[in-house]
Amino acid sequence: MSYVAAYVASLGVMGVLDFAWLRTMVPIVYRPQLGALLAEKPVLWAAAAFYLLYPIGIVLFAVMPGLRASSLSTALSLGAAFGLFAYMTYDLTNMATVRGWSVSVTAIDMLWGAVLTSACAGAGYVVASWLGGRALYS
């Protein structure tokens, strides 16, 4: 049951932090750099799918190994790595295939992916540990 709580915690932290990030950074980084490449209105079902599914990866690849090791630092570092590689996949694919994609947006976005995912993994780990998640892997 604590892995469900880890998912909910990761999802909640991701929603709050990414909302704040996008609200702040779209006008000052993404829109000026990517301009016409950005949709005027996001495709909501695709955004919802990402926000609902990505925390499953956070729990599987960062929170659960952290719980197995009884280590917040493991969850944080694996979260950062997972976020870096996930966002790297998106950003470098866009660099390769989208005319006008920005190198600076790629770097900023990959760094954000690492920071965001690490924070989400940390939240998931703390909540699951508080609920006795370590017992799942003993």
C-alpha atoms as a PDB file:
ATOM      1  CA  MET A   1       0.000   0.000   0.000  1.00  0.00           C
ATOM      2  CA  SER A   2       2.863   2.405   0.641  1.00  0.00           C
ATOM      3  CA  TYR A   3       3.878   2.264  -3.027  1.00  0.00           C
ATOM      4  CA  VAL A   4       0.451   3.722  -3.881  1.00  0.00           C
ATOM      5  CA  ALA A   5       1.144   6.515  -1.394  1.00  0.00           C
ATOM      6  CA  ALA A   6       4.575   6.991  -2.993  1.00  0.00           C
ATOM      7  CA  TYR A   7       2.850   7.360  -6.367  1.00  0.00           C
ATOM      8  CA  VAL A   8       0.355   9.890  -4.993  1.00  0.00           C
ATOM      9  CA  ALA A   9       3.134  11.878  -3.291  1.00  0.00           C
ATOM     10  CA  SER A  10       5.258  11.861  -6.446  1.00  0.00           C
ATOM     11  CA  LEU A  11       2.276  12.874  -8.566  1.00  0.00           C
ATOM     12  CA  GLY A  12       1.347  15.699  -6.194  1.00  0.00           C
ATOM     13  CA  VAL A  13       4.855  17.116  -5.984  1.00  0.00           C
ATOM     14  CA  MET A  14       5.244  16.833  -9.743  1.00  0.00           C
ATOM     15  CA  GLY A  15       1.980  18.656 -10.352  1.00  0.00           C
ATOM     16  CA  VAL A  16       2.843  21.535  -8.038  1.00  0.00           C
ATOM     17  CA  LEU A  17       6.484  21.952  -9.072  1.00  0.00           C
ATOM     18  CA  ASP A  18       5.963  21.501 -12.805  1.00  0.00           C
ATOM     19  CA  PHE A  19       2.994  23.882 -12.798  1.00  0.00           C
ATOM     20  CA  ALA A  20       5.144  26.527 -11.094  1.00  0.00           C
ATOM     21  CA  TRP A  21       8.050  25.826 -13.448  1.00  0.00           C
ATOM     22  CA  LEU A  22       5.966  26.042 -16.613  1.00  0.00           C
ATOM     23  CA  ARG A  23       4.050  29.101 -15.437  1.00  0.00           C
ATOM     24  CA  THR A  24       7.351  30.861 -14.763  1.00  0.00           C
ATOM     25  CA  MET A  25       9.568  29.536 -17.542  1.00  0.00           C
ATOM     26  CA  VAL A  26       7.296  29.317 -20.602  1.00  0.00           C
ATOM     27  CA  PRO A  27       7.146  33.107 -21.023  1.00  0.00           C
ATOM     28  CA  ILE A  28      10.836  33.711 -20.332  1.00  0.00           C
ATOM     29  CA  VAL A  29      12.548  30.622 -21.812  1.00  0.00           C
ATOM     30  CA  TYR A  30      10.363  28.304 -23.864  1.00  0.00           C
ATOM     31  CA  ARG A  31       8.200  30.763 -25.837  1.00  0.00           C
ATOM     32  CA  PRO A  32      11.067  33.142 -26.755  1.00  0.00           C
ATOM     33  CA  GLN A  33      13.312  30.237 -27.811  1.00  0.00           C
ATOM     34  CA  LEU A  34      10.766  27.965 -29.492  1.00  0.00           C
ATOM     35  CA  GLY A  35       8.168  30.495 -30.631  1.00  0.00           C
ATOM     36  CA  ALA A  36       5.951  29.035 -33.325  1.00  0.00           C
ATOM     37  CA  LEU A  37       6.894  25.462 -32.396  1.00  0.00           C
ATOM     38  CA  LEU A  38       4.716  25.638 -29.270  1.00  0.00           C
ATOM     39  CA  ALA A  39       1.014  24.884 -29.472  1.00  0.00           C
ATOM     40  CA  GLU A  40      -1.291  27.713 -28.433  1.00  0.00           C
ATOM     41  CA  LYS A  41      -3.249  25.233 -26.327  1.00  0.00           C
ATOM     42  CA  PRO A  42      -1.769  21.974 -25.044  1.00  0.00           C
ATOM     43  CA  VAL A  43      -3.294  18.636 -26.021  1.00  0.00           C
ATOM     44  CA  LEU A  44      -4.834  17.900 -22.624  1.00  0.00           C
ATOM     45  CA  TRP A  45      -5.213  14.125 -22.946  1.00  0.00           C
ATOM     46  CA  ALA A  46      -1.504  13.786 -23.791  1.00  0.00           C
ATOM     47  CA  ALA A  47      -0.492  16.014 -20.876  1.00  0.00           C
ATOM     48  CA  ALA A  48      -2.774  14.064 -18.527  1.00  0.00           C
ATOM     49  CA  ALA A  49      -1.326  10.759 -19.740  1.00  0.00           C
ATOM     50  CA  PHE A  50       2.213  11.990 -19.088  1.00  0.00           C
ATOM     51  CA  TYR A  51       1.427  13.319 -15.608  1.00  0.00           C
ATOM     52  CA  LEU A  52      -0.409  10.129 -14.614  1.00  0.00           C
ATOM     53  CA  LEU A  53       2.143   7.675 -16.061  1.00  0.00           C
ATOM     54  CA  TYR A  54       5.506   9.323 -15.374  1.00  0.00           C
ATOM     55  CA  PRO A  55       5.203   8.973 -11.562  1.00  0.00           C
ATOM     56  CA  ILE A  56       4.844   5.206 -12.055  1.00  0.00           C
ATOM     57  CA  GLY A  57       8.358   5.273 -13.515  1.00  0.00           C
ATOM     58  CA  ILE A  58       9.549   7.403 -10.609  1.00  0.00           C
ATOM     59  CA  VAL A  59       8.229   4.854  -8.121  1.00  0.00           C
ATOM     60  CA  LEU A  60       9.589   1.849 -10.044  1.00  0.00           C
ATOM     61  CA  PHE A  61      13.041   3.197 -10.865  1.00  0.00           C
ATOM     62  CA  ALA A  62      13.824   5.496  -7.919  1.00  0.00           C
ATOM     63  CA  VAL A  63      11.502   5.137  -4.924  1.00  0.00           C
ATOM     64  CA  MET A  64      11.415   1.330  -4.763  1.00  0.00           C
ATOM     65  CA  PRO A  65      15.210   0.931  -5.033  1.00  0.00           C
ATOM     66  CA  GLY A  66      15.576   3.633  -2.388  1.00  0.00           C
ATOM     67  CA  LEU A  67      13.215   1.754  -0.097  1.00  0.00           C
ATOM     68  CA  ARG A  68      15.071  -1.516  -0.707  1.00  0.00           C
ATOM     69  CA  ALA A  69      18.314   0.220   0.298  1.00  0.00           C
ATOM     70  CA  SER A  70      16.634   2.173   3.130  1.00  0.00           C
ATOM     71  CA  SER A  71      18.272   5.210   1.578  1.00  0.00           C
ATOM     72  CA  LEU A  72      16.779   8.586   0.735  1.00  0.00           C
ATOM     73  CA  SER A  73      19.974   9.485  -1.135  1.00  0.00           C
ATOM     74  CA  THR A  74      19.497   6.425  -3.359  1.00  0.00           C
ATOM     75  CA  ALA A  75      15.950   7.510  -4.191  1.00  0.00           C
ATOM     76  CA  LEU A  76      17.104  11.080  -4.869  1.00  0.00           C
ATOM     77  CA  SER A  77      20.058  10.117  -7.057  1.00  0.00           C
ATOM     78  CA  LEU A  78      18.128   7.490  -9.025  1.00  0.00           C
ATOM     79  CA  GLY A  79      15.302   9.993  -9.422  1.00  0.00           C
ATOM     80  CA  ALA A  80      17.741  12.536 -10.829  1.00  0.00           C
ATOM     81  CA  ALA A  81      19.190   9.956 -13.220  1.00  0.00           C
ATOM     82  CA  PHE A  82      15.748   8.765 -14.345  1.00  0.00           C
ATOM     83  CA  GLY A  83      14.627  12.359 -14.899  1.00  0.00           C
ATOM     84  CA  LEU A  84      17.779  13.259 -16.789  1.00  0.00           C
ATOM     85  CA  PHE A  85      17.459  10.269 -19.126  1.00  0.00           C
ATOM     86  CA  ALA A  86      13.710  10.656 -19.633  1.00  0.00           C
ATOM     87  CA  TYR A  87      13.940  14.357 -20.441  1.00  0.00           C
ATOM     88  CA  MET A  88      17.104  13.731 -22.481  1.00  0.00           C
ATOM     89  CA  THR A  89      15.159  11.295 -24.655  1.00  0.00           C
ATOM     90  CA  TYR A  90      12.530  13.937 -25.372  1.00  0.00           C
ATOM     91  CA  ASP A  91      14.887  16.873 -25.835  1.00  0.00           C
ATOM     92  CA  LEU A  92      17.566  15.170 -27.919  1.00  0.00           C
ATOM     93  CA  THR A  93      14.936  13.549 -30.131  1.00  0.00           C
ATOM     94  CA  ASN A  94      13.523  17.029 -30.711  1.00  0.00           C
ATOM     95  CA  MET A  95      17.030  18.339 -31.442  1.00  0.00           C
ATOM     96  CA  ALA A  96      17.376  15.615 -34.064  1.00  0.00           C
ATOM     97  CA  THR A  97      13.937  15.940 -35.658  1.00  0.00           C
ATOM     98  CA  VAL A  98      12.385  19.371 -35.052  1.00  0.00           C
ATOM     99  CA  ARG A  99      13.698  22.253 -37.142  1.00  0.00           C
ATOM    100  CA  GLY A 100      14.472  25.212 -34.897  1.00  0.00           C
ATOM    101  CA  TRP A 101      14.647  23.306 -31.606  1.00  0.00           C
ATOM    102  CA  SER A 102      16.901  25.187 -29.180  1.00  0.00           C
ATOM    103  CA  VAL A 103      20.126  23.842 -27.669  1.00  0.00           C
ATOM    104  CA  SER A 104      19.656  26.044 -24.598  1.00  0.00           C
ATOM    105  CA  VAL A 105      16.089  24.781 -24.073  1.00  0.00           C
ATOM    106  CA  THR A 106      17.450  21.246 -24.353  1.00  0.00           C
ATOM    107  CA  ALA A 107      20.036  21.863 -21.625  1.00  0.00           C
ATOM    108  CA  ILE A 108      17.621  23.721 -19.333  1.00  0.00           C
ATOM    109  CA  ASP A 109      14.875  21.135 -19.794  1.00  0.00           C
ATOM    110  CA  MET A 110      17.182  18.181 -19.124  1.00  0.00           C
ATOM    111  CA  LEU A 111      18.427  19.822 -15.932  1.00  0.00           C
ATOM    112  CA  TRP A 112      14.837  20.525 -14.895  1.00  0.00           C
ATOM    113  CA  GLY A 113      13.900  16.890 -15.552  1.00  0.00           C
ATOM    114  CA  ALA A 114      16.647  15.739 -13.200  1.00  0.00           C
ATOM    115  CA  VAL A 115      15.732  18.222 -10.452  1.00  0.00           C
ATOM    116  CA  LEU A 116      11.975  17.662 -10.720  1.00  0.00           C
ATOM    117  CA  THR A 117      12.185  13.886 -10.784  1.00  0.00           C
ATOM    118  CA  SER A 118      14.630  13.801  -7.885  1.00  0.00           C
ATOM    119  CA  ALA A 119      12.255  15.931  -5.799  1.00  0.00           C
ATOM    120  CA  CYS A 120       9.322  13.678  -6.694  1.00  0.00           C
ATOM    121  CA  ALA A 121      11.316  10.559  -5.833  1.00  0.00           C
ATOM    122  CA  GLY A 122      12.327  12.103  -2.520  1.00  0.00           C
ATOM    123  CA  ALA A 123       8.718  12.887  -1.670  1.00  0.00           C
ATOM    124  CA  GLY A 124       7.613   9.398  -2.651  1.00  0.00           C
ATOM    125  CA  TYR A 125      10.383   7.841  -0.566  1.00  0.00           C
ATOM    126  CA  VAL A 126       9.614   9.932   2.526  1.00  0.00           C
ATOM    127  CA  VAL A 127       5.880   9.184   2.390  1.00  0.00           C
ATOM    128  CA  ALA A 128       6.390   5.463   1.742  1.00  0.00           C
ATOM    129  CA  SER A 129       8.983   5.241   4.529  1.00  0.00           C
ATOM    130  CA  TRP A 130       6.684   7.052   6.907  1.00  0.00           C
ATOM    131  CA  LEU A 131       3.975   4.506   6.090  1.00  0.00           C
ATOM    132  CA  GLY A 132       6.355   1.613   6.651  1.00  0.00           C
ATOM    133  CA  GLY A 133       7.438   1.038   3.068  1.00  0.00           C
ATOM    134  CA  ARG A 134      10.731  -0.544   4.025  1.00  0.00           C
ATOM    135  CA  ALA A 135       8.810  -3.571   5.250  1.00  0.00           C
ATOM    136  CA  LEU A 136       7.733  -4.236   1.647  1.00  0.00           C
ATOM    137  CA  TYR A 137      11.257  -5.229   0.694  1.00  0.00           C
ATOM    138  CA  SER A 138      12.532  -6.938   3.834  1.00  0.00           C
END
